[in-house]
């Protein structure tokens, strides 16, 4: 009877662990959208995570204003991305006054289609909610 209890427990442990698949960097690949609001207005931004030469990178692909007027981009948005088990860290590229700053960012995948990107700079912190679109 004891061996049956052990086997049943083992079966449920395997079932639980296989159902809670660890999300690695592959889960980030593809296009993501977010809305960024500041004092100058609202921007709709499309990012894309890609694997280049074995390295995970994120690029800004498109930025549009509230009226839908936008432009395509191919600008590096994140580098040094380390992501495992649904969370990670990266360097988020921020451009201000023609200078590019590298901000430490935290990444947290929420399900398969939502990513929380948090960063702080000069005493200001922000958390963006990104939605996977492709």
Protein backbone atom coordinates (compact mmCIF):
# COMPACT_ATOMS: atom_id res chain seq x y z
CA UNK A 1 0.00 0.00 0.00
CA UNK A 2 2.89 2.38 0.78
CA UNK A 3 4.40 1.87 -2.67
CA UNK A 4 1.09 2.86 -4.29
CA UNK A 5 1.03 6.11 -2.28
CA UNK A 6 4.58 6.88 -3.39
CA UNK A 7 3.74 6.14 -7.04
CA UNK A 8 0.60 8.32 -6.91
CA UNK A 9 2.60 11.19 -5.35
CA UNK A 10 5.31 10.80 -7.98
CA UNK A 11 2.71 10.82 -10.77
CA UNK A 12 1.17 14.07 -9.49
CA UNK A 13 4.58 15.71 -9.07
CA UNK A 14 5.51 14.88 -12.67
CA UNK A 15 2.13 16.17 -13.87
CA UNK A 16 2.52 19.42 -11.94
CA UNK A 17 6.06 20.04 -13.10
CA UNK A 18 5.33 19.30 -16.75
CA UNK A 19 2.32 21.63 -16.67
CA UNK A 20 4.37 24.48 -15.22
CA UNK A 21 6.87 24.70 -18.04
CA UNK A 22 9.70 27.09 -17.36
CA UNK A 23 9.52 29.96 -19.83
CA UNK A 24 12.88 30.61 -21.39
CA UNK A 25 14.04 33.32 -23.76
CA UNK A 26 12.26 31.67 -26.72
CA UNK A 27 8.98 32.84 -25.19
CA UNK A 28 10.05 36.44 -25.84
CA UNK A 29 10.75 36.03 -29.57
CA UNK A 30 8.40 37.99 -31.81
CA UNK A 31 6.68 41.36 -31.85
CA UNK A 32 5.26 43.15 -28.82
CA UNK A 33 3.28 46.38 -28.47
CA UNK A 34 2.96 48.90 -25.68
CA UNK A 35 1.49 52.34 -25.12
CA UNK A 36 3.76 54.94 -23.56
CA UNK A 37 2.29 58.13 -22.11
CA UNK A 38 4.23 61.18 -21.02
CA UNK A 39 3.71 64.95 -20.85
CA UNK A 40 4.13 65.26 -24.62
CA UNK A 41 1.43 62.75 -25.52
CA UNK A 42 0.85 59.07 -26.18
CA UNK A 43 3.05 56.80 -28.28
CA UNK A 44 2.17 53.34 -29.57
CA UNK A 45 5.41 51.38 -29.84
CA UNK A 46 6.13 48.04 -31.48
CA UNK A 47 9.20 46.12 -30.32
CA UNK A 48 10.63 42.86 -31.62
CA UNK A 49 12.78 40.30 -29.81
CA UNK A 50 15.12 38.47 -32.18
CA UNK A 51 17.94 35.99 -31.87
CA UNK A 52 21.04 37.30 -33.66
CA UNK A 53 24.15 35.16 -33.67
CA UNK A 54 22.97 33.32 -30.56
CA UNK A 55 22.28 36.54 -28.69
CA UNK A 56 18.79 37.76 -27.71
CA UNK A 57 18.21 41.39 -28.68
CA UNK A 58 15.17 43.65 -28.78
CA UNK A 59 14.58 46.34 -31.43
CA UNK A 60 12.13 49.21 -31.72
CA UNK A 61 10.28 48.56 -34.99
CA UNK A 62 7.47 51.14 -35.16
CA UNK A 63 6.31 54.23 -33.26
CA UNK A 64 2.96 55.96 -33.85
CA UNK A 65 1.24 58.90 -32.19
CA UNK A 66 -2.35 59.08 -30.95
CA UNK A 67 -3.58 59.88 -34.44
CA UNK A 68 -1.95 56.80 -35.95
CA UNK A 69 0.84 58.72 -37.66
CA UNK A 70 4.01 56.71 -37.35
CA UNK A 71 7.39 55.68 -38.66
CA UNK A 72 9.32 52.44 -38.95
CA UNK A 73 12.50 52.02 -36.93
CA UNK A 74 15.31 49.52 -36.60
CA UNK A 75 16.80 50.80 -33.37
CA UNK A 76 18.29 48.65 -30.61
CA UNK A 77 15.98 48.87 -27.58
CA UNK A 78 17.47 46.17 -25.28
CA UNK A 79 20.68 44.21 -25.06
CA UNK A 80 22.42 41.92 -22.55
CA UNK A 81 19.10 40.14 -22.07
CA UNK A 82 19.22 37.30 -19.55
CA UNK A 83 15.90 35.50 -19.24
CA UNK A 84 14.96 32.25 -17.54
CA UNK A 85 11.88 30.80 -15.82
CA UNK A 86 9.71 33.76 -16.82
CA UNK A 87 11.90 36.55 -15.43
CA UNK A 88 15.00 38.34 -16.51
CA UNK A 89 17.18 41.40 -16.71
CA UNK A 90 18.37 43.55 -19.60
CA UNK A 91 19.89 46.89 -20.51
CA UNK A 92 17.11 49.13 -21.87
CA UNK A 93 18.31 51.80 -24.31
CA UNK A 94 16.86 55.27 -23.65
CA UNK A 95 17.57 58.24 -25.91
CA UNK A 96 17.32 61.79 -24.56
CA UNK A 97 18.90 64.95 -25.93
CA UNK A 98 20.82 63.01 -28.59
CA UNK A 99 22.42 60.85 -25.89
CA UNK A 100 21.72 57.13 -25.50
CA UNK A 101 21.53 55.86 -21.92
CA UNK A 102 21.58 52.22 -20.81
CA UNK A 103 19.09 51.59 -18.03
CA UNK A 104 18.89 48.42 -15.98
CA UNK A 105 15.54 46.77 -16.66
CA UNK A 106 13.63 43.87 -15.14
CA UNK A 107 11.46 41.61 -17.29
CA UNK A 108 8.59 39.47 -16.10
CA UNK A 109 6.50 37.33 -18.41
CA UNK A 110 2.87 37.08 -17.34
CA UNK A 111 1.34 34.15 -19.19
CA UNK A 112 2.38 33.85 -22.82
CA UNK A 113 1.17 37.20 -24.17
CA UNK A 114 2.02 39.80 -21.53
CA UNK A 115 5.42 41.14 -20.51
CA UNK A 116 6.13 43.62 -17.74
CA UNK A 117 9.21 45.79 -18.37
CA UNK A 118 10.38 47.85 -15.38
CA UNK A 119 13.24 50.36 -15.29
CA UNK A 120 14.31 53.48 -13.45
CA UNK A 121 16.47 56.49 -14.19
CA UNK A 122 17.26 59.80 -12.51
CA UNK A 123 14.90 59.05 -9.67
CA UNK A 124 12.02 58.21 -12.01
CA UNK A 125 10.79 54.66 -12.37
CA UNK A 126 8.35 53.19 -14.85
CA UNK A 127 6.71 49.88 -15.60
CA UNK A 128 5.43 49.19 -19.09
CA UNK A 129 2.95 46.47 -20.01
CA UNK A 130 3.79 44.88 -23.35
CA UNK A 131 1.35 42.65 -25.26
CA UNK A 132 2.55 40.03 -27.73
CA UNK A 133 1.16 40.57 -31.21
CA UNK A 134 3.15 38.11 -33.32
